[in-house]
Amino acid sequence: MNADMIIGVVMAVAALALLIYLTLWGRRTIERIANGSARSAREIARALGSDR
């Protein structure tokens, strides 16, 4: 039972860390595109593709 609880806590912490990371990454990407000169959907898609 204790091992299951430890695994559960570790998984919950990992999920929370991943959620925070993805939120901050998405926010940074959105701010970078918003501050850029992209005016069309094609330019935004090109800016998103440059991150990969």
N, C-alpha and C. Protein backbone atom coordinates (compact mmCIF):
# COMPACT_ATOMS: atom_id res chain seq x y z
N MET A 1 0.82 -1.20 0.00
CA MET A 1 0.00 0.00 0.00
C MET A 1 0.87 1.27 0.00
N ASN A 2 1.93 1.28 0.77
CA ASN A 2 2.79 2.45 0.81
C ASN A 2 3.48 2.70 -0.53
N ALA A 3 3.87 1.63 -1.20
CA ALA A 3 4.51 1.79 -2.51
C ALA A 3 3.53 2.39 -3.50
N ASP A 4 2.27 1.99 -3.45
CA ASP A 4 1.25 2.55 -4.34
C ASP A 4 1.05 4.04 -4.07
N MET A 5 1.07 4.41 -2.82
CA MET A 5 0.90 5.83 -2.47
C MET A 5 2.09 6.65 -2.97
N ILE A 6 3.28 6.12 -2.81
CA ILE A 6 4.47 6.84 -3.27
C ILE A 6 4.45 6.99 -4.78
N ILE A 7 4.11 5.93 -5.49
CA ILE A 7 4.02 6.00 -6.95
C ILE A 7 2.95 7.01 -7.36
N GLY A 8 1.83 7.01 -6.68
CA GLY A 8 0.76 7.97 -6.98
C GLY A 8 1.18 9.41 -6.78
N VAL A 9 1.89 9.67 -5.69
CA VAL A 9 2.36 11.02 -5.42
C VAL A 9 3.39 11.45 -6.46
N VAL A 10 4.30 10.55 -6.80
CA VAL A 10 5.31 10.87 -7.82
C VAL A 10 4.64 11.16 -9.15
N MET A 11 3.66 10.36 -9.53
CA MET A 11 2.96 10.58 -10.80
C MET A 11 2.19 11.91 -10.77
N ALA A 12 1.57 12.23 -9.65
CA ALA A 12 0.83 13.49 -9.54
C ALA A 12 1.77 14.69 -9.66
N VAL A 13 2.92 14.61 -9.01
CA VAL A 13 3.90 15.69 -9.09
C VAL A 13 4.43 15.82 -10.51
N ALA A 14 4.70 14.70 -11.17
CA ALA A 14 5.18 14.74 -12.55
C ALA A 14 4.13 15.34 -13.48
N ALA A 15 2.87 14.98 -13.29
CA ALA A 15 1.80 15.54 -14.12
C ALA A 15 1.66 17.04 -13.90
N LEU A 16 1.76 17.48 -12.66
CA LEU A 16 1.68 18.90 -12.36
C LEU A 16 2.86 19.66 -12.97
N ALA A 17 4.04 19.10 -12.88
CA ALA A 17 5.22 19.75 -13.46
C ALA A 17 5.08 19.85 -14.98
N LEU A 18 4.58 18.81 -15.62
CA LEU A 18 4.38 18.84 -17.06
C LEU A 18 3.34 19.88 -17.44
N LEU A 19 2.27 19.97 -16.69
CA LEU A 19 1.23 20.96 -16.95
C LEU A 19 1.78 22.38 -16.83
N ILE A 20 2.57 22.64 -15.81
CA ILE A 20 3.16 23.97 -15.63
C ILE A 20 4.12 24.28 -16.77
N TYR A 21 4.95 23.33 -17.15
CA TYR A 21 5.91 23.54 -18.23
C TYR A 21 5.19 23.87 -19.54
N LEU A 22 4.17 23.08 -19.88
CA LEU A 22 3.46 23.31 -21.13
C LEU A 22 2.71 24.64 -21.12
N THR A 23 2.18 25.02 -19.98
CA THR A 23 1.50 26.31 -19.87
C THR A 23 2.47 27.46 -20.10
N LEU A 24 3.62 27.40 -19.46
CA LEU A 24 4.60 28.48 -19.63
C LEU A 24 5.17 28.50 -21.04
N TRP A 25 5.40 27.33 -21.65
CA TRP A 25 5.91 27.26 -23.01
C TRP A 25 4.90 27.84 -23.99
N GLY A 26 3.63 27.48 -23.81
CA GLY A 26 2.58 27.99 -24.69
C GLY A 26 2.43 29.50 -24.55
N ARG A 27 2.50 29.98 -23.34
CA ARG A 27 2.37 31.42 -23.12
C ARG A 27 3.52 32.17 -23.76
N ARG A 28 4.73 31.65 -23.63
CA ARG A 28 5.90 32.29 -24.25
C ARG A 28 5.76 32.32 -25.76
N THR A 29 5.29 31.21 -26.34
CA THR A 29 5.12 31.14 -27.78
C THR A 29 4.07 32.14 -28.26
N ILE A 30 2.96 32.23 -27.54
CA ILE A 30 1.90 33.16 -27.92
C ILE A 30 2.39 34.60 -27.83
N GLU A 31 3.12 34.93 -26.77
CA GLU A 31 3.64 36.29 -26.62
C GLU A 31 4.64 36.62 -27.72
N ARG A 32 5.48 35.65 -28.09
CA ARG A 32 6.47 35.90 -29.14
C ARG A 32 5.78 36.17 -30.47
N ILE A 33 4.74 35.42 -30.78
CA ILE A 33 4.03 35.62 -32.04
C ILE A 33 3.24 36.93 -31.99
N ALA A 34 2.64 37.24 -30.85
CA ALA A 34 1.86 38.48 -30.72
C ALA A 34 2.75 39.71 -30.87
N ASN A 35 3.98 39.63 -30.39
CA ASN A 35 4.89 40.77 -30.48
C ASN A 35 5.58 40.85 -31.84
N GLY A 36 5.45 39.81 -32.64
CA GLY A 36 6.06 39.80 -33.96
C GLY A 36 5.21 40.57 -34.95
N SER A 37 5.61 40.52 -36.20
CA SER A 37 4.90 41.26 -37.24
C SER A 37 3.99 40.35 -38.06
N ALA A 38 3.64 39.19 -37.53
CA ALA A 38 2.79 38.25 -38.27
C ALA A 38 1.38 38.83 -38.39
N ARG A 39 0.91 38.94 -39.62
CA ARG A 39 -0.41 39.51 -39.86
C ARG A 39 -1.39 38.50 -40.45
N SER A 40 -0.89 37.41 -41.00
CA SER A 40 -1.79 36.44 -41.63
C SER A 40 -1.63 35.07 -40.96
N ALA A 41 -2.59 34.21 -41.24
CA ALA A 41 -2.54 32.86 -40.68
C ALA A 41 -1.31 32.12 -41.19
N ARG A 42 -0.94 32.36 -42.43
CA ARG A 42 0.24 31.70 -43.01
C ARG A 42 1.51 32.13 -42.27
N GLU A 43 1.63 33.41 -41.96
CA GLU A 43 2.81 33.89 -41.23
C GLU A 43 2.84 33.34 -39.80
N ILE A 44 1.68 33.22 -39.17
CA ILE A 44 1.62 32.65 -37.83
C ILE A 44 2.00 31.18 -37.86
N ALA A 45 1.50 30.44 -38.85
CA ALA A 45 1.85 29.03 -38.99
C ALA A 45 3.35 28.88 -39.24
N ARG A 46 3.91 29.75 -40.03
CA ARG A 46 5.35 29.71 -40.30
C ARG A 46 6.14 29.99 -39.02
N ALA A 47 5.67 30.94 -38.21
CA ALA A 47 6.34 31.26 -36.94
C ALA A 47 6.24 30.09 -35.98
N LEU A 48 5.11 29.42 -35.95
CA LEU A 48 4.97 28.25 -35.08
C LEU A 48 5.87 27.12 -35.55
N GLY A 49 6.01 26.94 -36.84
CA GLY A 49 6.85 25.88 -37.40
C GLY A 49 8.32 26.11 -37.15
N SER A 50 8.72 27.36 -36.94
CA SER A 50 10.14 27.64 -36.72
C SER A 50 10.61 27.19 -35.35
N ASP A 51 9.67 26.90 -34.43
CA ASP A 51 10.05 26.42 -33.09
C ASP A 51 10.47 24.97 -33.11
N ARG A 52 10.06 24.23 -34.09
CA ARG A 52 10.31 22.79 -34.10
C ARG A 52 11.65 22.44 -34.61
